[in-house]
Amino acid sequence: MKIVVVTGPTATGKTALAVQLAACFDGEIVSVDSRQVYRSLDIGTGKDLAEYRVEERVIPHHLIDIADPNYTYNLMEFCRDARRAVETIGKAGRLPVLAGGTALYLNAFLSGFSLPGVPADEAKRRQLNSKTVAELDELLSQTSPELFAQLKDHRNRARLLRALEKAQSPDRMPPAPPLQFTPLIIGVYFPRQTVHRRIEARLDARLRAGMVEEIARLHENGVSWERLDFLGLEYRYVAEYLRGKTNFAAMREKLLIKIRQFAKRQDIWFRKMEREGHVIHWLPGGDFDRAKALVETFLAGRPLPAPELQLKDIDYRGGP
């Protein structure tokens, strides 16, 4: 199965390009966004469903508005749900187009990440939460040497807890066989200073569109301040403002700085993906004509050209 991926840093227009390609090649969008899965997180996540309309046609999209904001949707669930969506789209004879910038999710899916199908066990997690990271690590080594050996980061509390849940579950299931697919990965590239300007313009547009009011409604409807903090930068810092911990101007400035830092971390992830062998065709400005030509070549089974641009060759002190 062939799939197309459109990715890149925040505020670069990935969704718009992906929708254009899906419309051109009879495709459906699979969102790779860790926050757009949540219902009612609209303005703060840039969930503009009008983007999926091309003239009079609505491009089908998946993994948007599938979870309650008080539910913790995780990487394992994303890989499972994305696999199902891709299989469904492929079986219908259409082109799966993955679109989004949550690099952790994207890298996991492309790398064939899978875990035994064990649901989160909140009761067990509460029992384990009183233990230190070192104690959790020791318990995992005793409970399941196999999972202990597979775990790469033994200082990550969340991963240790999840591994212990799997190790102690009586319902452990073997992972499903890996999904066989060939990806074409297209990245939307802008110089960093341009990304910074786009982030600022987008942030101000979201604030004008009612992002503060959206987050206030979420809290009024039962989403705790602590949960809002978990739901990402916009929700964290606007929640601080709503609680009177800062003023509007300071909130905006802090949020702007943090989103720019997030874009830099995304860049680090994409460089990591390149080092690990994922070929990403970075297109300046997300050029649709060049993206379309790449997809045509890919679907026809012809050899793809080498990427013209690689992040490893970019020195942001001067730019390409």
C-alpha atoms as a PDB file:
ATOM      1  CA  MET A   1       0.000   0.000   0.000  1.00  0.00           C
ATOM      2  CA  LYS A   2       1.208   3.499  -0.806  1.00  0.00           C
ATOM      3  CA  ILE A   3       0.597   6.416   1.532  1.00  0.00           C
ATOM      4  CA  VAL A   4       1.449  10.104   1.337  1.00  0.00           C
ATOM      5  CA  VAL A   5       2.568  12.047   4.405  1.00  0.00           C
ATOM      6  CA  VAL A   6       2.511  15.847   4.672  1.00  0.00           C
ATOM      7  CA  THR A   7       4.344  17.173   7.704  1.00  0.00           C
ATOM      8  CA  GLY A   8       6.445  20.036   8.995  1.00  0.00           C
ATOM      9  CA  PRO A   9       6.658  22.533  11.846  1.00  0.00           C
ATOM     10  CA  THR A  10       3.676  24.307  13.306  1.00  0.00           C
ATOM     11  CA  ALA A  11       2.091  27.199  11.370  1.00  0.00           C
ATOM     12  CA  THR A  12       3.391  26.132   7.957  1.00  0.00           C
ATOM     13  CA  GLY A  13       0.137  25.202   6.205  1.00  0.00           C
ATOM     14  CA  LYS A  14       0.473  21.406   6.240  1.00  0.00           C
ATOM     15  CA  THR A  15      -3.247  20.713   6.338  1.00  0.00           C
ATOM     16  CA  ALA A  16      -4.009  22.974   3.390  1.00  0.00           C
ATOM     17  CA  LEU A  17      -1.406  21.221   1.226  1.00  0.00           C
ATOM     18  CA  ALA A  18      -2.553  17.756   2.336  1.00  0.00           C
ATOM     19  CA  VAL A  19      -6.177  18.587   1.505  1.00  0.00           C
ATOM     20  CA  GLN A  20      -5.181  19.862  -1.938  1.00  0.00           C
ATOM     21  CA  LEU A  21      -3.307  16.620  -2.625  1.00  0.00           C
ATOM     22  CA  ALA A  22      -6.135  14.470  -1.301  1.00  0.00           C
ATOM     23  CA  ALA A  23      -8.592  16.298  -3.549  1.00  0.00           C
ATOM     24  CA  CYS A  24      -6.316  15.818  -6.540  1.00  0.00           C
ATOM     25  CA  PHE A  25      -5.575  12.113  -5.989  1.00  0.00           C
ATOM     26  CA  ASP A  26      -8.864  10.814  -4.519  1.00  0.00           C
ATOM     27  CA  GLY A  27      -7.489  10.657  -1.015  1.00  0.00           C
ATOM     28  CA  GLU A  28      -8.634  10.898   2.579  1.00  0.00           C
ATOM     29  CA  ILE A  29      -6.849  12.684   5.406  1.00  0.00           C
ATOM     30  CA  VAL A  30      -5.573  10.917   8.525  1.00  0.00           C
ATOM     31  CA  SER A  31      -4.746  13.604  11.085  1.00  0.00           C
ATOM     32  CA  VAL A  32      -1.423  13.280  12.904  1.00  0.00           C
ATOM     33  CA  ASP A  33      -2.158  15.827  15.606  1.00  0.00           C
ATOM     34  CA  SER A  34      -2.112  14.818  19.253  1.00  0.00           C
ATOM     35  CA  ARG A  35      -4.630  17.513  20.270  1.00  0.00           C
ATOM     36  CA  GLN A  36      -7.093  17.641  17.406  1.00  0.00           C
ATOM     37  CA  VAL A  37      -8.280  14.214  18.533  1.00  0.00           C
ATOM     38  CA  TYR A  38     -10.106  16.027  21.366  1.00  0.00           C
ATOM     39  CA  ARG A  39     -13.601  17.395  20.963  1.00  0.00           C
ATOM     40  CA  SER A  40     -14.100  21.105  21.772  1.00  0.00           C
ATOM     41  CA  LEU A  41     -10.397  21.905  21.391  1.00  0.00           C
ATOM     42  CA  ASP A  42     -10.973  23.894  18.226  1.00  0.00           C
ATOM     43  CA  ILE A  43      -9.451  27.365  18.071  1.00  0.00           C
ATOM     44  CA  GLY A  44      -6.485  26.511  20.274  1.00  0.00           C
ATOM     45  CA  THR A  45      -5.492  23.562  18.080  1.00  0.00           C
ATOM     46  CA  GLY A  46      -6.233  25.189  14.728  1.00  0.00           C
ATOM     47  CA  LYS A  47      -8.978  22.663  14.019  1.00  0.00           C
ATOM     48  CA  ASP A  48     -10.562  24.472  11.105  1.00  0.00           C
ATOM     49  CA  LEU A  49     -12.842  21.890   9.523  1.00  0.00           C
ATOM     50  CA  ALA A  50     -13.591  24.350   6.719  1.00  0.00           C
ATOM     51  CA  GLU A  51     -10.069  23.568   5.478  1.00  0.00           C
ATOM     52  CA  TYR A  52     -11.303  20.143   4.407  1.00  0.00           C
ATOM     53  CA  ARG A  53     -13.724  21.614   1.882  1.00  0.00           C
ATOM     54  CA  VAL A  54     -12.528  21.958  -1.719  1.00  0.00           C
ATOM     55  CA  GLU A  55     -15.131  23.860  -3.723  1.00  0.00           C
ATOM     56  CA  GLU A  56     -18.333  21.878  -3.020  1.00  0.00           C
ATOM     57  CA  ARG A  57     -16.544  18.736  -1.915  1.00  0.00           C
ATOM     58  CA  VAL A  58     -15.624  17.773   1.644  1.00  0.00           C
ATOM     59  CA  ILE A  59     -12.446  15.693   1.891  1.00  0.00           C
ATOM     60  CA  PRO A  60     -13.010  12.802   4.343  1.00  0.00           C
ATOM     61  CA  HIS A  61     -10.839  13.063   7.437  1.00  0.00           C
ATOM     62  CA  HIS A  62     -10.035  10.732  10.326  1.00  0.00           C
ATOM     63  CA  LEU A  63      -8.784  11.002  13.955  1.00  0.00           C
ATOM     64  CA  ILE A  64     -10.339  14.407  14.582  1.00  0.00           C
ATOM     65  CA  ASP A  65     -12.883  14.897  17.405  1.00  0.00           C
ATOM     66  CA  ILE A  66     -12.690  11.289  18.582  1.00  0.00           C
ATOM     67  CA  ALA A  67     -11.942  11.756  22.311  1.00  0.00           C
ATOM     68  CA  ASP A  68     -13.371  13.651  25.250  1.00  0.00           C
ATOM     69  CA  PRO A  69     -11.005  16.391  26.520  1.00  0.00           C
ATOM     70  CA  ASN A  70     -10.870  14.736  29.948  1.00  0.00           C
ATOM     71  CA  TYR A  71      -9.670  11.459  28.412  1.00  0.00           C
ATOM     72  CA  THR A  72      -5.926  10.889  27.992  1.00  0.00           C
ATOM     73  CA  TYR A  73      -5.400   9.711  24.416  1.00  0.00           C
ATOM     74  CA  ASN A  74      -1.986   8.112  23.995  1.00  0.00           C
ATOM     75  CA  LEU A  75       0.592   7.055  21.434  1.00  0.00           C
ATOM     76  CA  MET A  76      -0.479   3.417  21.404  1.00  0.00           C
ATOM     77  CA  GLU A  77      -4.054   4.404  20.647  1.00  0.00           C
ATOM     78  CA  PHE A  78      -2.930   6.708  17.861  1.00  0.00           C
ATOM     79  CA  CYS A  79      -0.888   3.980  16.173  1.00  0.00           C
ATOM     80  CA  ARG A  80      -3.829   1.592  16.453  1.00  0.00           C
ATOM     81  CA  ASP A  81      -6.376   4.102  15.155  1.00  0.00           C
ATOM     82  CA  ALA A  82      -4.132   5.416  12.381  1.00  0.00           C
ATOM     83  CA  ARG A  83      -3.501   1.864  11.207  1.00  0.00           C
ATOM     84  CA  ARG A  84      -7.230   1.159  11.082  1.00  0.00           C
ATOM     85  CA  ALA A  85      -7.912   4.368   9.185  1.00  0.00           C
ATOM     86  CA  VAL A  86      -5.137   3.727   6.654  1.00  0.00           C
ATOM     87  CA  GLU A  87      -6.320   0.154   6.095  1.00  0.00           C
ATOM     88  CA  THR A  88      -9.924   1.293   5.625  1.00  0.00           C
ATOM     89  CA  ILE A  89      -8.940   4.000   3.149  1.00  0.00           C
ATOM     90  CA  GLY A  90      -6.668   1.649   1.225  1.00  0.00           C
ATOM     91  CA  LYS A  91      -9.297  -1.089   0.996  1.00  0.00           C
ATOM     92  CA  ALA A  92     -11.712   1.455  -0.458  1.00  0.00           C
ATOM     93  CA  GLY A  93      -9.224   2.082  -3.260  1.00  0.00           C
ATOM     94  CA  ARG A  94      -8.386   5.580  -2.088  1.00  0.00           C
ATOM     95  CA  LEU A  95      -5.102   7.247  -1.132  1.00  0.00           C
ATOM     96  CA  PRO A  96      -4.307   7.646   2.592  1.00  0.00           C
ATOM     97  CA  VAL A  97      -2.810  11.102   3.222  1.00  0.00           C
ATOM     98  CA  LEU A  98      -1.360  11.530   6.712  1.00  0.00           C
ATOM     99  CA  ALA A  99      -1.203  15.192   7.711  1.00  0.00           C
ATOM    100  CA  GLY A 100       0.163  16.820  10.839  1.00  0.00           C
ATOM    101  CA  GLY A 101       3.162  17.854  12.844  1.00  0.00           C
ATOM    102  CA  THR A 102       3.091  15.657  15.963  1.00  0.00           C
ATOM    103  CA  ALA A 103       6.475  14.174  15.114  1.00  0.00           C
ATOM    104  CA  LEU A 104       6.421  11.616  17.950  1.00  0.00           C
ATOM    105  CA  TYR A 105       3.200  10.111  16.598  1.00  0.00           C
ATOM    106  CA  LEU A 106       4.330  10.264  12.979  1.00  0.00           C
ATOM    107  CA  ASN A 107       7.724   8.716  13.640  1.00  0.00           C
ATOM    108  CA  ALA A 108       6.148   5.928  15.691  1.00  0.00           C
ATOM    109  CA  PHE A 109       3.639   5.104  12.954  1.00  0.00           C
ATOM    110  CA  LEU A 110       6.209   5.165  10.150  1.00  0.00           C
ATOM    111  CA  SER A 111       8.604   3.041  12.198  1.00  0.00           C
ATOM    112  CA  GLY A 112       5.997   0.336  12.793  1.00  0.00           C
ATOM    113  CA  PHE A 113       5.600   1.011  16.502  1.00  0.00           C
ATOM    114  CA  SER A 114       3.240  -1.437  18.202  1.00  0.00           C
ATOM    115  CA  LEU A 115       2.446  -2.509  21.735  1.00  0.00           C
ATOM    116  CA  PRO A 116       0.390  -5.365  23.135  1.00  0.00           C
ATOM    117  CA  GLY A 117      -3.257  -4.365  23.230  1.00  0.00           C
ATOM    118  CA  VAL A 118      -3.661  -3.702  26.948  1.00  0.00           C
ATOM    119  CA  PRO A 119      -5.949  -0.827  27.998  1.00  0.00           C
ATOM    120  CA  ALA A 120      -4.742   1.709  30.532  1.00  0.00           C
ATOM    121  CA  ASP A 121      -5.385   0.542  34.101  1.00  0.00           C
ATOM    122  CA  GLU A 122      -6.068   3.620  36.205  1.00  0.00           C
ATOM    123  CA  ALA A 123      -6.451   1.663  39.483  1.00  0.00           C
ATOM    124  CA  LYS A 124      -3.090  -0.035  39.026  1.00  0.00           C
ATOM    125  CA  ARG A 125      -1.503   3.254  38.034  1.00  0.00           C
ATOM    126  CA  ARG A 126      -2.679   4.889  41.267  1.00  0.00           C
ATOM    127  CA  GLN A 127      -1.113   2.031  43.226  1.00  0.00           C
ATOM    128  CA  LEU A 128       2.188   2.488  41.420  1.00  0.00           C
ATOM    129  CA  ASN A 129       2.266   6.288  41.529  1.00  0.00           C
ATOM    130  CA  SER A 130       3.618   6.342  45.089  1.00  0.00           C
ATOM    131  CA  LYS A 131       6.842   4.631  43.964  1.00  0.00           C
ATOM    132  CA  THR A 132       9.970   6.428  42.799  1.00  0.00           C
ATOM    133  CA  VAL A 133      11.307   6.036  39.263  1.00  0.00           C
ATOM    134  CA  ALA A 134      14.091   3.795  40.588  1.00  0.00           C
ATOM    135  CA  GLU A 135      11.570   1.602  42.401  1.00  0.00           C
ATOM    136  CA  LEU A 136       9.404   1.328  39.279  1.00  0.00           C
ATOM    137  CA  ASP A 137      12.447   0.381  37.217  1.00  0.00           C
ATOM    138  CA  GLU A 138      13.421  -2.325  39.704  1.00  0.00           C
ATOM    139  CA  LEU A 139       9.857  -3.658  39.808  1.00  0.00           C
ATOM    140  CA  LEU A 140       9.743  -3.873  36.017  1.00  0.00           C
ATOM    141  CA  SER A 141      13.035  -5.769  35.912  1.00  0.00           C
ATOM    142  CA  GLN A 142      11.594  -8.341  38.316  1.00  0.00           C
ATOM    143  CA  THR A 143       8.128  -8.524  36.736  1.00  0.00           C
ATOM    144  CA  SER A 144       9.106  -8.707  33.064  1.00  0.00           C
ATOM    145  CA  PRO A 145      12.789  -8.885  32.095  1.00  0.00           C
ATOM    146  CA  GLU A 146      11.639  -8.898  28.451  1.00  0.00           C
ATOM    147  CA  LEU A 147       9.845  -5.558  28.670  1.00  0.00           C
ATOM    148  CA  PHE A 148      12.631  -4.203  30.891  1.00  0.00           C
ATOM    149  CA  ALA A 149      15.156  -4.970  28.154  1.00  0.00           C
ATOM    150  CA  GLN A 150      12.954  -3.400  25.462  1.00  0.00           C
ATOM    151  CA  LEU A 151      12.474  -0.135  27.343  1.00  0.00           C
ATOM    152  CA  LYS A 152      14.896   2.495  26.041  1.00  0.00           C
ATOM    153  CA  ASP A 153      14.367   5.233  28.615  1.00  0.00           C
ATOM    154  CA  HIS A 154      14.438   3.892  32.159  1.00  0.00           C
ATOM    155  CA  ARG A 155      14.051   7.401  33.600  1.00  0.00           C
ATOM    156  CA  ASN A 156      10.726   8.071  31.901  1.00  0.00           C
ATOM    157  CA  ARG A 157       8.092   7.595  34.594  1.00  0.00           C
ATOM    158  CA  ALA A 158       5.135   7.425  32.195  1.00  0.00           C
ATOM    159  CA  ARG A 159       6.751   4.707  30.089  1.00  0.00           C
ATOM    160  CA  LEU A 160       7.725   2.715  33.153  1.00  0.00           C
ATOM    161  CA  LEU A 161       4.145   2.849  34.417  1.00  0.00           C
ATOM    162  CA  ARG A 162       2.782   1.777  31.049  1.00  0.00           C
ATOM    163  CA  ALA A 163       5.270  -1.086  30.789  1.00  0.00           C
ATOM    164  CA  LEU A 164       4.316  -2.311  34.256  1.00  0.00           C
ATOM    165  CA  GLU A 165       0.631  -2.206  33.321  1.00  0.00           C
ATOM    166  CA  LYS A 166       1.356  -4.422  30.336  1.00  0.00           C
ATOM    167  CA  ALA A 167       3.631  -6.719  32.313  1.00  0.00           C
ATOM    168  CA  GLN A 168       1.060  -7.243  35.063  1.00  0.00           C
ATOM    169  CA  SER A 169      -2.010  -7.539  32.841  1.00  0.00           C
ATOM    170  CA  PRO A 170      -3.578 -10.999  32.475  1.00  0.00           C
ATOM    171  CA  ASP A 171      -4.908  -9.932  29.064  1.00  0.00           C
ATOM    172  CA  ARG A 172      -1.635  -9.378  27.256  1.00  0.00           C
ATOM    173  CA  MET A 173      -2.084  -9.892  23.534  1.00  0.00           C
ATOM    174  CA  PRO A 174       0.625 -10.212  20.899  1.00  0.00           C
ATOM    175  CA  PRO A 175       0.927  -7.132  18.698  1.00  0.00           C
ATOM    176  CA  ALA A 176      -0.758  -7.180  15.312  1.00  0.00           C
ATOM    177  CA  PRO A 177       1.520  -7.870  12.334  1.00  0.00           C
ATOM    178  CA  PRO A 178       3.060  -4.672  11.008  1.00  0.00           C
ATOM    179  CA  LEU A 179       1.107  -2.758   8.396  1.00  0.00           C
ATOM    180  CA  GLN A 180       2.867  -3.013   5.050  1.00  0.00           C
ATOM    181  CA  PHE A 181       3.073   0.362   3.332  1.00  0.00           C
ATOM    182  CA  THR A 182       5.421   2.542   1.308  1.00  0.00           C
ATOM    183  CA  PRO A 183       5.386   6.221   2.269  1.00  0.00           C
ATOM    184  CA  LEU A 184       6.144   9.381   0.354  1.00  0.00           C
ATOM    185  CA  ILE A 185       6.969  12.004   2.989  1.00  0.00           C
ATOM    186  CA  ILE A 186       6.567  15.648   1.972  1.00  0.00           C
ATOM    187  CA  GLY A 187       7.696  18.373   4.365  1.00  0.00           C
ATOM    188  CA  VAL A 188       6.587  21.998   4.245  1.00  0.00           C
ATOM    189  CA  TYR A 189       9.672  24.166   4.709  1.00  0.00           C
ATOM    190  CA  PHE A 190      10.031  27.826   5.609  1.00  0.00           C
ATOM    191  CA  PRO A 191      13.149  29.533   7.039  1.00  0.00           C
ATOM    192  CA  ARG A 192      12.972  29.737  10.801  1.00  0.00           C
ATOM    193  CA  GLN A 193      12.402  33.493  10.928  1.00  0.00           C
ATOM    194  CA  THR A 194       9.476  33.083   8.547  1.00  0.00           C
ATOM    195  CA  VAL A 195       8.045  30.345  10.772  1.00  0.00           C
ATOM    196  CA  HIS A 196       8.380  32.707  13.744  1.00  0.00           C
ATOM    197  CA  ARG A 197       6.428  35.416  11.916  1.00  0.00           C
ATOM    198  CA  ARG A 198       3.748  32.938  10.861  1.00  0.00           C
ATOM    199  CA  ILE A 199       3.437  31.681  14.454  1.00  0.00           C
ATOM    200  CA  GLU A 200       2.895  35.233  15.728  1.00  0.00           C
ATOM    201  CA  ALA A 201       0.304  36.033  13.058  1.00  0.00           C
ATOM    202  CA  ARG A 202      -1.544  32.784  13.747  1.00  0.00           C
ATOM    203  CA  LEU A 203      -1.492  33.301  17.520  1.00  0.00           C
ATOM    204  CA  ASP A 204      -2.985  36.777  17.201  1.00  0.00           C
ATOM    205  CA  ALA A 205      -5.633  35.458  14.800  1.00  0.00           C
ATOM    206  CA  ARG A 206      -6.602  32.751  17.288  1.00  0.00           C
ATOM    207  CA  LEU A 207      -6.818  35.232  20.143  1.00  0.00           C
ATOM    208  CA  ARG A 208      -9.074  37.461  18.036  1.00  0.00           C
ATOM    209  CA  ALA A 209     -11.187  34.433  17.081  1.00  0.00           C
ATOM    210  CA  GLY A 210     -12.030  33.691  20.718  1.00  0.00           C
ATOM    211  CA  MET A 211      -9.387  31.259  21.978  1.00  0.00           C
ATOM    212  CA  VAL A 212      -9.538  32.686  25.512  1.00  0.00           C
ATOM    213  CA  GLU A 213     -13.319  32.298  25.570  1.00  0.00           C
ATOM    214  CA  GLU A 214     -13.035  28.725  24.244  1.00  0.00           C
ATOM    215  CA  ILE A 215     -10.708  27.749  27.066  1.00  0.00           C
ATOM    216  CA  ALA A 216     -12.925  29.434  29.657  1.00  0.00           C
ATOM    217  CA  ARG A 217     -15.873  27.374  28.354  1.00  0.00           C
ATOM    218  CA  LEU A 218     -13.860  24.176  28.593  1.00  0.00           C
ATOM    219  CA  HIS A 219     -13.194  24.853  32.279  1.00  0.00           C
ATOM    220  CA  GLU A 220     -16.829  25.779  32.882  1.00  0.00           C
ATOM    221  CA  ASN A 221     -17.829  22.470  31.281  1.00  0.00           C
ATOM    222  CA  GLY A 222     -15.720  20.372  33.632  1.00  0.00           C
ATOM    223  CA  VAL A 223     -12.164  20.417  32.290  1.00  0.00           C
ATOM    224  CA  SER A 224      -9.922  21.109  35.284  1.00  0.00           C
ATOM    225  CA  TRP A 225      -7.113  23.648  35.339  1.00  0.00           C
ATOM    226  CA  GLU A 226      -4.684  20.745  35.764  1.00  0.00           C
ATOM    227  CA  ARG A 227      -6.094  19.014  32.686  1.00  0.00           C
ATOM    228  CA  LEU A 228      -5.888  22.228  30.658  1.00  0.00           C
ATOM    229  CA  ASP A 229      -2.222  22.441  31.590  1.00  0.00           C
ATOM    230  CA  PHE A 230      -1.737  18.973  30.076  1.00  0.00           C
ATOM    231  CA  LEU A 231      -3.555  19.852  26.839  1.00  0.00           C
ATOM    232  CA  GLY A 232      -0.765  21.980  25.444  1.00  0.00           C
ATOM    233  CA  LEU A 233       0.771  25.408  25.373  1.00  0.00           C
ATOM    234  CA  GLU A 234      -2.240  27.511  24.400  1.00  0.00           C
ATOM    235  CA  TYR A 235      -4.441  25.845  27.007  1.00  0.00           C
ATOM    236  CA  ARG A 236      -1.759  26.009  29.711  1.00  0.00           C
ATOM    237  CA  TYR A 237      -0.911  29.696  29.440  1.00  0.00           C
ATOM    238  CA  VAL A 238      -4.410  30.965  28.720  1.00  0.00           C
ATOM    239  CA  ALA A 239      -5.537  29.007  31.797  1.00  0.00           C
ATOM    240  CA  GLU A 240      -2.905  30.878  33.834  1.00  0.00           C
ATOM    241  CA  TYR A 241      -4.336  34.150  32.547  1.00  0.00           C
ATOM    242  CA  LEU A 242      -7.897  33.078  33.349  1.00  0.00           C
ATOM    243  CA  ARG A 243      -6.819  32.224  36.882  1.00  0.00           C
ATOM    244  CA  GLY A 244      -5.356  35.709  37.351  1.00  0.00           C
ATOM    245  CA  LYS A 245      -1.741  34.539  37.494  1.00  0.00           C
ATOM    246  CA  THR A 246      -0.647  36.857  34.669  1.00  0.00           C
ATOM    247  CA  ASN A 247      -1.993  39.651  32.495  1.00  0.00           C
ATOM    248  CA  PHE A 248      -3.021  39.364  28.838  1.00  0.00           C
ATOM    249  CA  ALA A 249       0.111  40.937  27.351  1.00  0.00           C
ATOM    250  CA  ALA A 250       2.458  38.769  29.427  1.00  0.00           C
ATOM    251  CA  MET A 251       0.429  35.664  28.589  1.00  0.00           C
ATOM    252  CA  ARG A 252       0.628  36.424  24.863  1.00  0.00           C
ATOM    253  CA  GLU A 253       4.382  37.043  24.994  1.00  0.00           C
ATOM    254  CA  LYS A 254       5.099  33.886  26.975  1.00  0.00           C
ATOM    255  CA  LEU A 255       2.899  31.842  24.662  1.00  0.00           C
ATOM    256  CA  LEU A 256       4.634  33.252  21.597  1.00  0.00           C
ATOM    257  CA  ILE A 257       8.055  32.313  22.993  1.00  0.00           C
ATOM    258  CA  LYS A 258       6.929  28.814  23.971  1.00  0.00           C
ATOM    259  CA  ILE A 259       5.331  28.060  20.585  1.00  0.00           C
ATOM    260  CA  ARG A 260       8.511  29.166  18.824  1.00  0.00           C
ATOM    261  CA  GLN A 261      10.510  26.875  21.104  1.00  0.00           C
ATOM    262  CA  PHE A 262       8.080  24.074  20.266  1.00  0.00           C
ATOM    263  CA  ALA A 263       8.717  24.627  16.546  1.00  0.00           C
ATOM    264  CA  LYS A 264      12.441  24.263  17.228  1.00  0.00           C
ATOM    265  CA  ARG A 265      11.818  20.953  19.009  1.00  0.00           C
ATOM    266  CA  GLN A 266       9.780  19.785  16.023  1.00  0.00           C
ATOM    267  CA  ASP A 267      12.767  20.589  13.837  1.00  0.00           C
ATOM    268  CA  ILE A 268      14.964  18.412  16.071  1.00  0.00           C
ATOM    269  CA  TRP A 269      12.492  15.549  15.675  1.00  0.00           C
ATOM    270  CA  PHE A 270      12.480  15.853  11.882  1.00  0.00           C
ATOM    271  CA  ARG A 271      16.275  15.880  11.808  1.00  0.00           C
ATOM    272  CA  LYS A 272      16.195  12.717  13.916  1.00  0.00           C
ATOM    273  CA  MET A 273      13.809  11.098  11.435  1.00  0.00           C
ATOM    274  CA  GLU A 274      16.168  11.954   8.578  1.00  0.00           C
ATOM    275  CA  ARG A 275      19.102  10.435  10.469  1.00  0.00           C
ATOM    276  CA  GLU A 276      17.080   7.264  11.045  1.00  0.00           C
ATOM    277  CA  GLY A 277      16.531   6.837   7.329  1.00  0.00           C
ATOM    278  CA  HIS A 278      13.173   8.500   6.656  1.00  0.00           C
ATOM    279  CA  VAL A 279      13.442  10.344   3.341  1.00  0.00           C
ATOM    280  CA  ILE A 280      11.623  13.683   3.608  1.00  0.00           C
ATOM    281  CA  HIS A 281      11.114  15.833   0.533  1.00  0.00           C
ATOM    282  CA  TRP A 282      11.151  19.354   1.987  1.00  0.00           C
ATOM    283  CA  LEU A 283       9.405  21.797  -0.332  1.00  0.00           C
ATOM    284  CA  PRO A 284       9.964  25.527   0.247  1.00  0.00           C
ATOM    285  CA  GLY A 285       6.628  27.156   0.975  1.00  0.00           C
ATOM    286  CA  GLY A 286       4.817  23.843   0.545  1.00  0.00           C
ATOM    287  CA  ASP A 287       4.813  24.305  -3.235  1.00  0.00           C
ATOM    288  CA  PHE A 288       1.696  22.478  -4.482  1.00  0.00           C
ATOM    289  CA  ASP A 289       2.897  21.941  -8.045  1.00  0.00           C
ATOM    290  CA  ARG A 290       6.112  20.304  -6.868  1.00  0.00           C
ATOM    291  CA  ALA A 291       4.215  18.236  -4.308  1.00  0.00           C
ATOM    292  CA  LYS A 292       1.740  17.131  -6.983  1.00  0.00           C
ATOM    293  CA  ALA A 293       4.563  16.110  -9.312  1.00  0.00           C
ATOM    294  CA  LEU A 294       6.166  14.046  -6.543  1.00  0.00           C
ATOM    295  CA  VAL A 295       2.892  12.249  -5.793  1.00  0.00           C
ATOM    296  CA  GLU A 296       2.294  11.546  -9.486  1.00  0.00           C
ATOM    297  CA  THR A 297       5.770  10.034  -9.812  1.00  0.00           C
ATOM    298  CA  PHE A 298       5.313   8.041  -6.602  1.00  0.00           C
ATOM    299  CA  LEU A 299       1.927   6.593  -7.547  1.00  0.00           C
ATOM    300  CA  ALA A 300       3.143   5.724 -11.054  1.00  0.00           C
ATOM    301  CA  GLY A 301       5.928   3.631  -9.545  1.00  0.00           C
ATOM    302  CA  ARG A 302       8.687   5.703 -11.103  1.00  0.00           C
ATOM    303  CA  PRO A 303      11.901   6.466  -9.176  1.00  0.00           C
ATOM    304  CA  LEU A 304      11.619   9.541  -7.011  1.00  0.00           C
ATOM    305  CA  PRO A 305      14.241  12.270  -7.253  1.00  0.00           C
ATOM    306  CA  ALA A 306      16.581  12.775  -4.334  1.00  0.00           C
ATOM    307  CA  PRO A 307      15.372  15.434  -1.875  1.00  0.00           C
ATOM    308  CA  GLU A 308      16.594  18.860  -2.919  1.00  0.00           C
ATOM    309  CA  LEU A 309      16.719  20.020   0.681  1.00  0.00           C
ATOM    310  CA  GLN A 310      17.659  18.256   3.911  1.00  0.00           C
ATOM    311  CA  LEU A 311      17.456  19.765   7.355  1.00  0.00           C
ATOM    312  CA  LYS A 312      20.911  18.486   8.246  1.00  0.00           C
ATOM    313  CA  ASP A 313      22.327  20.863   5.618  1.00  0.00           C
ATOM    314  CA  ILE A 314      20.614  23.941   7.063  1.00  0.00           C
ATOM    315  CA  ASP A 315      22.526  26.266   9.363  1.00  0.00           C
ATOM    316  CA  TYR A 316      19.898  28.493  10.936  1.00  0.00           C
ATOM    317  CA  ARG A 317      22.488  31.134  11.736  1.00  0.00           C
ATOM    318  CA  GLY A 318      22.500  31.972   8.049  1.00  0.00           C
ATOM    319  CA  GLY A 319      19.734  29.887   6.484  1.00  0.00           C
ATOM    320  CA  PRO A 320      19.827  27.995   3.178  1.00  0.00           C
END
